[in-house]
Amino acid sequence: MMRLILLVLSATAALTSPLRRSAAKLSPVTRNGTTLLVDGKAWKAVGPNVYWLGLDENVTPPEGEPFYAPTKASYPTKERITEVMATVQALGGTMIRGHTLGISTGNPLSVVPEPGVVNERAFEPIDWAVYQAGVYGVRLLIPLVDNYDYYHGGKYNFLRWGGFDLNQRRDEKNPQVQQFYTNETIVATFKDYVKTIITHRNQYNNLTFAEDPTIFAYETGNELLGPVWGDMNSPADWVQDIAKYVKSLAPQKLVVDGTYGVNSTHLGIEEVDIFSDHMYPVDTTKLQNDIKLVETAEKPLFIGEYDWVGGNTANLQSMFKAIEESPVIVGDTFWSQFGHNAPDCTAYVDHSDGLALQYGNPKNTANQNSRIQLIRKHFIAMSQGKEIAADEPLPAVPCPAPTSPSSR
């Protein structure tokens, strides 16, 4: 099918920006058994989930800026994106798990609003986020589709495009949702979308996403399931097919199995590099069971999301200790990070789920700040192998944050 290109470009010519770089300085992340490596040294993947870097739902932009009112979708500002990178550094993190850097379908502001249509304007915040991550030395793990019917898109878009009139609210338990994994036309449409994302060339550094080592891994999806909650029914042959396709487009990228939980029938998939699970609530027994499963496959485990603020502190400390001591766990990302509504540095962006970590917010409770300090202690133990005091003061992050190494 001939692709229609929607050239909805900003008035500024990004390709002539003085911030443009011709090559990335980061080395690729590789895997040897259960260990991730950078330049031959063990590397840990720790940081936040920042799901809104490519497309947001939490801020109403100024009049005249792109805004899709039905889902409150808008593009985040460059200042918000850059502040995230500076905050990850302050936390001792090494990476970000960023949903909307890869999941962007089904509404007018998406990368792919409908099959065969590419909205180039949607790549502007994505390109900036990938570029700024590289500048700050922050790696990216990017999911490619969502299990749910959210504002940024997911598997229900592909089901509807394939002729199945399904939505999550009404049809989550309908067996036909499995057509996302099994229908040849839908799978082909999804692969075409994956190719659009991975082969895109970044306007700020002139690298395709396949070439850019800032992106160290693609995840087959976020919390992928079948029609029964917790069934882990993203079929093994689909996972293998998508993982193999990602590696055909980007041979240096690692692939994470985005099934919600470690599915034992997936352990033998050669193309999968990392298995994952999410912890709601924090559950060290579940964690230990996951560790035993992935050990049999000699593959690493990554904890892609967890509740950083609920439950008691002892449970969070226990999980961090287990992660730090395990030879098969390569990292974790909390849910989820927000910052100032920059360039307005007087207000913070919030999210409705109660799990927004707002670094440096003077309105944080004592419990929130102590948890943030605990997260930083854990990240530094993982990324630097150093012990710091649990009550060590949090480094300040300027707002607006600088956009290039020379100004740091």
Protein backbone atom coordinates (compact mmCIF):
# COMPACT_ATOMS: atom_id res chain seq x y z
CA MET A 1 0.00 0.00 0.00
CA MET A 2 1.33 3.41 -0.84
CA ARG A 3 1.87 5.32 2.38
CA LEU A 4 0.32 8.76 2.65
CA ILE A 5 2.61 11.15 4.46
CA LEU A 6 1.07 13.88 6.56
CA LEU A 7 3.65 16.63 6.57
CA VAL A 8 2.51 18.54 9.60
CA LEU A 9 5.94 19.98 10.41
CA SER A 10 6.66 22.80 12.81
CA ALA A 11 7.68 26.16 11.45
CA THR A 12 11.21 25.75 12.79
CA ALA A 13 13.60 23.77 10.63
CA ALA A 14 14.80 21.20 13.16
CA LEU A 15 17.38 19.74 10.80
CA THR A 16 19.35 22.98 10.94
CA SER A 17 19.29 23.17 14.75
CA PRO A 18 22.68 23.89 16.34
CA LEU A 19 21.96 21.00 18.71
CA ARG A 20 22.09 18.46 15.88
CA ARG A 21 24.74 15.75 16.18
CA SER A 22 26.02 13.50 13.39
CA ALA A 23 26.76 10.48 15.57
CA ALA A 24 25.97 9.10 19.02
CA LYS A 25 28.66 8.76 21.67
CA LEU A 26 27.05 5.89 23.55
CA SER A 27 28.15 2.30 23.05
CA PRO A 28 25.54 -0.42 22.44
CA VAL A 29 24.15 -2.49 25.29
CA THR A 30 24.75 -6.19 24.71
CA ARG A 31 23.77 -9.34 26.56
CA ASN A 32 25.88 -12.27 27.73
CA GLY A 33 23.66 -14.84 29.42
CA THR A 34 21.93 -13.09 32.32
CA THR A 35 24.20 -10.03 32.21
CA LEU A 36 23.84 -6.80 30.26
CA LEU A 37 27.10 -5.22 29.15
CA VAL A 38 28.38 -1.85 27.95
CA ASP A 39 31.95 -1.85 26.65
CA GLY A 40 32.47 -5.23 28.29
CA LYS A 41 31.38 -4.09 31.76
CA ALA A 42 28.19 -5.11 33.55
CA TRP A 43 25.42 -2.55 33.19
CA LYS A 44 22.15 -2.19 35.10
CA ALA A 45 18.91 -0.73 33.74
CA VAL A 46 17.35 1.42 36.48
CA GLY A 47 15.14 4.47 36.22
CA PRO A 48 11.54 5.62 35.87
CA ASN A 49 8.62 4.93 33.61
CA VAL A 50 7.90 8.16 31.75
CA TYR A 51 4.97 7.17 29.58
CA TRP A 52 4.15 10.65 28.22
CA LEU A 53 7.40 11.63 26.45
CA GLY A 54 5.92 11.26 22.96
CA LEU A 55 2.28 12.12 23.65
CA ASP A 56 0.70 13.42 26.85
CA GLU A 57 -2.78 13.42 28.38
CA ASN A 58 -2.19 15.53 31.49
CA VAL A 59 -1.67 19.09 30.20
CA THR A 60 -3.94 21.33 28.17
CA PRO A 61 -1.57 23.23 25.88
CA PRO A 62 -1.77 26.94 25.04
CA GLU A 63 -4.32 28.03 22.46
CA GLY A 64 -3.20 27.13 18.96
CA GLU A 65 -1.00 24.19 19.96
CA PRO A 66 -2.02 20.67 18.80
CA PHE A 67 -4.68 19.24 21.10
CA TYR A 68 -7.10 16.34 20.64
CA ALA A 69 -9.88 17.08 23.12
CA PRO A 70 -11.66 13.67 23.15
CA THR A 71 -8.63 12.03 24.77
CA LYS A 72 -6.92 15.22 26.05
CA ALA A 73 -3.89 14.34 23.94
CA SER A 74 -1.13 16.89 23.40
CA TYR A 75 2.58 16.99 22.70
CA PRO A 76 4.88 17.58 25.68
CA THR A 77 7.17 20.60 25.56
CA LYS A 78 10.89 20.26 24.99
CA GLU A 79 11.49 21.75 28.44
CA ARG A 80 9.45 19.03 30.15
CA ILE A 81 11.30 16.32 28.24
CA THR A 82 14.77 17.70 29.01
CA GLU A 83 13.95 18.07 32.72
CA VAL A 84 13.16 14.35 32.82
CA MET A 85 16.66 13.49 31.62
CA ALA A 86 18.28 15.75 34.23
CA THR A 87 16.11 14.19 36.93
CA VAL A 88 17.08 10.65 35.95
CA GLN A 89 20.72 11.67 36.33
CA ALA A 90 20.03 13.17 39.76
CA LEU A 91 18.35 9.92 40.83
CA GLY A 92 21.37 7.86 39.76
CA GLY A 93 19.30 6.22 37.02
CA THR A 94 20.63 4.85 33.76
CA MET A 95 17.49 4.54 31.60
CA ILE A 96 13.80 5.25 31.03
CA ARG A 97 10.95 3.01 29.98
CA GLY A 98 8.95 5.24 27.63
CA HIS A 99 5.61 4.00 26.31
CA THR A 100 4.71 6.76 23.86
CA LEU A 101 8.14 6.74 22.26
CA GLY A 102 6.87 3.58 20.59
CA ILE A 103 3.11 3.38 21.18
CA SER A 104 1.37 6.04 19.13
CA THR A 105 -1.69 4.97 17.15
CA GLY A 106 -5.31 5.79 16.54
CA ASN A 107 -5.81 9.52 17.18
CA PRO A 108 -4.98 12.57 15.02
CA LEU A 109 -1.84 13.39 17.04
CA SER A 110 -0.44 9.84 16.81
CA VAL A 111 2.46 8.73 14.64
CA VAL A 112 -0.02 6.49 12.81
CA PRO A 113 -3.56 7.90 13.10
CA GLU A 114 -4.85 5.22 10.72
CA PRO A 115 -3.31 2.46 8.62
CA GLY A 116 -1.01 3.72 5.89
CA VAL A 117 -0.87 7.27 7.28
CA VAL A 118 2.21 8.66 9.02
CA ASN A 119 1.97 11.94 10.91
CA GLU A 120 5.52 13.32 10.85
CA ARG A 121 4.63 16.05 13.37
CA ALA A 122 4.19 13.34 16.01
CA PHE A 123 7.87 12.44 15.75
CA GLU A 124 9.02 15.87 16.98
CA PRO A 125 8.74 15.18 20.74
CA ILE A 126 9.87 11.59 20.21
CA ASP A 127 12.97 12.71 18.34
CA TRP A 128 13.74 15.32 21.00
CA ALA A 129 13.35 12.77 23.80
CA VAL A 130 15.65 10.24 22.12
CA TYR A 131 18.18 12.97 21.31
CA GLN A 132 18.15 14.46 24.81
CA ALA A 133 18.41 11.01 26.39
CA GLY A 134 21.56 10.45 24.35
CA VAL A 135 22.97 13.83 25.40
CA TYR A 136 22.41 12.95 29.06
CA GLY A 137 23.64 9.37 28.70
CA VAL A 138 20.22 7.94 29.55
CA ARG A 139 19.21 4.76 27.71
CA LEU A 140 15.69 3.98 26.52
CA LEU A 141 13.51 0.88 26.62
CA ILE A 142 10.54 1.32 24.30
CA PRO A 143 7.32 -0.76 24.25
CA LEU A 144 5.70 -1.14 20.82
CA VAL A 145 2.01 -1.66 21.64
CA ASP A 146 -0.28 -1.51 24.65
CA ASN A 147 -2.63 -4.19 25.92
CA TYR A 148 -5.21 -1.51 26.66
CA ASP A 149 -7.36 1.02 24.82
CA TYR A 150 -5.62 4.15 26.07
CA TYR A 151 -5.30 7.64 24.56
CA HIS A 152 -1.95 6.78 22.97
CA GLY A 153 -3.24 3.64 21.28
CA GLY A 154 -2.79 -0.10 21.59
CA LYS A 155 -3.91 -3.47 20.33
CA TYR A 156 -7.56 -2.41 20.05
CA ASN A 157 -6.62 0.06 17.30
CA PHE A 158 -5.17 -2.79 15.26
CA LEU A 159 -8.22 -4.97 15.98
CA ARG A 160 -10.60 -2.25 14.77
CA TRP A 161 -8.46 -1.56 11.72
CA GLY A 162 -8.62 -5.28 10.99
CA GLY A 163 -12.43 -5.28 10.96
CA PHE A 164 -13.17 -6.34 14.56
CA ASP A 165 -15.47 -3.85 16.28
CA LEU A 166 -13.93 -4.21 19.73
CA ASN A 167 -13.08 -1.85 22.56
CA GLN A 168 -11.59 -2.63 25.92
CA ARG A 169 -14.43 -1.38 28.09
CA ARG A 170 -16.99 -3.61 26.38
CA ASP A 171 -14.92 -6.45 24.96
CA GLU A 172 -11.86 -7.03 27.15
CA LYS A 173 -12.96 -10.64 27.83
CA ASN A 174 -14.07 -11.37 24.27
CA PRO A 175 -12.03 -14.27 22.80
CA GLN A 176 -11.79 -12.29 19.56
CA VAL A 177 -9.14 -10.04 21.16
CA GLN A 178 -6.74 -12.88 20.34
CA GLN A 179 -7.10 -11.92 16.69
CA PHE A 180 -4.48 -9.27 17.43
CA TYR A 181 -1.94 -12.09 17.73
CA THR A 182 -3.32 -14.59 15.23
CA ASN A 183 -4.92 -12.70 12.34
CA GLU A 184 -2.41 -12.50 9.48
CA THR A 185 -3.67 -9.13 8.21
CA ILE A 186 -3.55 -7.57 11.68
CA VAL A 187 -0.07 -8.96 12.34
CA ALA A 188 1.12 -7.55 9.01
CA THR A 189 -0.37 -4.14 9.84
CA PHE A 190 1.35 -4.20 13.22
CA LYS A 191 4.66 -5.12 11.63
CA ASP A 192 4.31 -2.23 9.20
CA TYR A 193 3.79 0.05 12.18
CA VAL A 194 6.86 -1.39 13.97
CA LYS A 195 8.91 -0.73 10.83
CA THR A 196 7.67 2.89 10.75
CA ILE A 197 8.92 3.41 14.31
CA ILE A 198 12.24 1.58 14.17
CA THR A 199 13.39 2.83 10.76
CA HIS A 200 12.50 6.47 11.48
CA ARG A 201 15.47 8.87 11.22
CA ASN A 202 15.86 11.32 14.08
CA GLN A 203 15.94 14.93 12.92
CA TYR A 204 18.27 15.96 15.77
CA ASN A 205 21.12 13.45 15.38
CA ASN A 206 20.52 11.98 11.90
CA LEU A 207 20.41 8.41 13.25
CA THR A 208 17.60 5.97 12.67
CA PHE A 209 16.15 4.49 15.81
CA ALA A 210 17.61 1.18 14.66
CA GLU A 211 21.08 2.74 14.61
CA ASP A 212 20.92 4.86 17.75
CA PRO A 213 22.46 3.07 20.77
CA THR A 214 20.49 5.36 23.09
CA ILE A 215 17.59 2.95 22.49
CA PHE A 216 18.93 -0.25 23.99
CA ALA A 217 15.78 -2.38 23.79
CA TYR A 218 12.34 -2.68 22.29
CA GLU A 219 9.56 -4.40 24.23
CA THR A 220 6.96 -6.41 22.34
CA GLY A 221 4.28 -4.55 24.30
CA ASN A 222 3.04 -3.29 27.62
CA GLU A 223 1.33 -5.83 29.91
CA LEU A 224 0.22 -8.04 27.04
CA LEU A 225 -2.50 -10.54 27.92
CA GLY A 226 -5.32 -12.49 26.32
CA PRO A 227 -9.03 -12.19 27.18
CA VAL A 228 -8.64 -13.41 30.79
CA TRP A 229 -6.87 -11.12 33.23
CA GLY A 230 -3.52 -12.60 34.21
CA ASP A 231 -3.57 -15.34 31.58
CA MET A 232 -0.24 -14.22 30.03
CA ASN A 233 -1.74 -15.30 26.71
CA SER A 234 0.39 -13.53 24.18
CA PRO A 235 1.15 -16.64 22.11
CA ALA A 236 4.76 -17.80 22.00
CA ASP A 237 4.81 -17.94 18.20
CA TRP A 238 3.66 -14.30 18.04
CA VAL A 239 6.32 -13.20 20.56
CA GLN A 240 8.99 -15.02 18.55
CA ASP A 241 7.75 -13.60 15.25
CA ILE A 242 7.75 -10.00 16.52
CA ALA A 243 11.08 -10.39 18.32
CA LYS A 244 12.64 -11.83 15.16
CA TYR A 245 11.17 -9.00 13.08
CA VAL A 246 12.54 -6.33 15.45
CA LYS A 247 15.99 -7.90 15.24
CA SER A 248 15.79 -8.03 11.44
CA LEU A 249 15.25 -4.25 11.45
CA ALA A 250 17.61 -3.46 14.32
CA PRO A 251 20.12 -6.27 14.91
CA GLN A 252 21.85 -4.49 17.81
CA LYS A 253 18.70 -3.99 19.85
CA LEU A 254 17.72 -6.24 22.72
CA VAL A 255 14.14 -7.51 22.83
CA VAL A 256 12.02 -7.64 25.98
CA ASP A 257 9.03 -9.99 26.20
CA GLY A 258 6.20 -7.58 27.04
CA THR A 259 3.85 -10.29 28.32
CA TYR A 260 2.43 -9.34 31.73
CA GLY A 261 4.40 -11.88 33.73
CA VAL A 262 6.95 -14.56 32.94
CA ASN A 263 5.25 -17.13 30.70
CA SER A 264 7.12 -20.43 30.96
CA THR A 265 6.16 -21.34 27.36
CA HIS A 266 8.22 -18.34 26.17
CA LEU A 267 11.46 -19.25 27.93
CA GLY A 268 12.87 -21.08 24.93
CA ILE A 269 12.39 -18.20 22.46
CA GLU A 270 15.91 -17.49 21.26
CA GLU A 271 15.13 -13.99 20.00
CA VAL A 272 13.92 -12.79 23.42
CA ASP A 273 16.75 -11.29 25.46
CA ILE A 274 14.93 -10.19 28.61
CA PHE A 275 11.80 -11.31 30.46
CA SER A 276 9.78 -8.92 32.58
CA ASP A 277 7.10 -8.56 35.21
CA HIS A 278 5.30 -5.75 37.05
CA MET A 279 4.77 -5.50 40.81
CA TYR A 280 1.34 -4.20 41.89
CA PRO A 281 1.65 -4.45 44.85
CA VAL A 282 5.31 -5.05 45.61
CA ASP A 283 5.55 -8.82 46.13
CA THR A 284 8.89 -10.47 46.88
CA THR A 285 7.38 -13.97 46.74
CA LYS A 286 6.22 -13.34 43.16
CA LEU A 287 9.65 -11.87 42.42
CA GLN A 288 11.45 -14.98 43.67
CA ASN A 289 9.19 -17.22 41.58
CA ASP A 290 10.02 -15.14 38.50
CA ILE A 291 13.73 -15.42 39.28
CA LYS A 292 13.50 -19.22 39.42
CA LEU A 293 11.75 -19.32 36.05
CA VAL A 294 14.21 -17.13 34.13
CA GLU A 295 17.21 -18.86 35.70
CA THR A 296 16.23 -22.02 33.83
CA ALA A 297 16.47 -20.11 30.53
CA GLU A 298 19.73 -18.32 31.42
CA LYS A 299 18.05 -15.04 30.54
CA PRO A 300 17.74 -11.85 32.62
CA LEU A 301 14.66 -10.51 34.40
CA PHE A 302 13.56 -6.87 34.40
CA ILE A 303 10.93 -5.38 36.72
CA GLY A 304 9.21 -2.98 34.35
CA GLU A 305 6.81 -1.32 36.78
CA TYR A 306 6.15 -1.20 40.50
CA ASP A 307 4.19 0.85 43.03
CA TRP A 308 6.80 3.09 44.68
CA VAL A 309 4.50 4.85 47.15
CA GLY A 310 1.94 2.29 48.38
CA GLY A 311 2.25 -0.41 51.03
CA ASN A 312 4.93 -0.20 53.69
CA THR A 313 8.52 0.87 53.27
CA ALA A 314 9.86 -2.46 54.51
CA ASN A 315 8.31 -4.28 51.52
CA LEU A 316 9.92 -1.85 49.08
CA GLN A 317 13.28 -2.21 50.83
CA SER A 318 12.94 -6.00 50.70
CA MET A 319 12.26 -5.92 46.95
CA PHE A 320 15.21 -3.61 46.32
CA LYS A 321 17.48 -5.90 48.35
CA ALA A 322 16.34 -8.95 46.37
CA ILE A 323 16.92 -7.11 43.08
CA GLU A 324 20.38 -5.93 44.12
CA GLU A 325 21.43 -9.42 45.21
CA SER A 326 20.02 -11.38 42.28
CA PRO A 327 22.43 -12.35 39.49
CA VAL A 328 19.58 -12.52 36.97
CA ILE A 329 17.73 -9.24 37.60
CA VAL A 330 19.17 -6.51 35.39
CA GLY A 331 17.09 -3.62 36.66
CA ASP A 332 13.75 -2.00 37.40
CA THR A 333 11.67 1.09 36.63
CA PHE A 334 9.14 2.65 39.03
CA TRP A 335 5.75 3.96 37.95
CA SER A 336 5.96 6.86 37.13
CA GLN A 337 7.83 10.17 36.82
CA PHE A 338 6.51 13.70 36.26
CA GLY A 339 8.08 17.13 36.60
CA HIS A 340 7.35 20.81 36.17
CA ASN A 341 4.91 22.02 33.56
CA ALA A 342 7.98 23.58 31.94
CA PRO A 343 8.70 26.16 30.66
CA ASP A 344 6.45 27.11 33.61
CA CYS A 345 8.76 26.23 36.49
CA THR A 346 6.23 27.20 39.17
CA ALA A 347 3.81 24.29 38.66
CA TYR A 348 4.12 20.50 38.59
CA VAL A 349 2.23 18.15 36.30
CA ASP A 350 0.14 15.56 38.13
CA HIS A 351 -1.53 12.30 37.08
CA SER A 352 -4.73 10.80 38.41
CA ASP A 353 -3.41 7.38 39.51
CA GLY A 354 -1.74 8.61 42.71
CA LEU A 355 1.67 7.25 41.65
CA ALA A 356 3.18 10.39 40.13
CA LEU A 357 6.72 10.94 41.43
CA GLN A 358 7.31 14.70 41.33
CA TYR A 359 10.99 15.13 42.06
CA GLY A 360 11.73 18.25 44.11
CA ASN A 361 8.11 19.26 44.64
CA PRO A 362 7.98 21.27 47.90
CA LYS A 363 4.48 19.89 48.47
CA ASN A 364 5.76 16.29 48.69
CA THR A 365 4.98 14.55 51.97
CA ALA A 366 7.78 13.33 54.23
CA ASN A 367 6.87 9.77 53.20
CA GLN A 368 7.11 10.61 49.49
CA ASN A 369 10.51 12.25 49.90
CA SER A 370 11.86 9.36 51.98
CA ARG A 371 10.70 6.92 49.29
CA ILE A 372 12.39 9.02 46.60
CA GLN A 373 15.60 8.95 48.66
CA LEU A 374 15.24 5.18 48.98
CA ILE A 375 14.83 4.84 45.20
CA ARG A 376 17.94 6.95 44.63
CA LYS A 377 19.90 4.82 47.13
CA HIS A 378 18.81 1.70 45.24
CA PHE A 379 19.61 3.15 41.80
CA ILE A 380 23.11 4.18 42.88
CA ALA A 381 23.73 0.75 44.39
CA MET A 382 22.69 -0.83 41.10
CA SER A 383 24.33 1.58 38.65
CA GLN A 384 27.48 2.53 40.55
CA GLY A 385 27.92 -0.25 43.08
CA LYS A 386 28.05 2.37 45.85
CA GLU A 387 26.25 2.64 49.17
CA ILE A 388 24.81 5.99 50.19
CA ALA A 389 22.85 6.94 53.29
CA ALA A 390 19.09 6.45 53.04
CA ASP A 391 18.55 10.05 54.12
CA GLU A 392 21.15 11.65 51.82
CA PRO A 393 19.69 14.92 50.50
CA LEU A 394 18.35 14.83 46.98
CA PRO A 395 20.42 16.81 44.44
CA ALA A 396 18.67 19.85 43.00
CA VAL A 397 17.56 19.76 39.35
CA PRO A 398 17.34 23.16 37.65
CA CYS A 399 14.21 24.22 35.81
CA PRO A 400 14.55 24.73 32.95
CA ALA A 401 17.23 22.06 32.64
CA PRO A 402 20.14 22.57 30.22
CA THR A 403 19.82 20.92 26.82
CA SER A 404 23.45 20.15 25.97
CA PRO A 405 26.57 18.83 27.73
CA SER A 406 28.41 22.15 27.29
CA SER A 407 25.83 23.91 29.44
CA ARG A 408 25.75 21.33 32.22
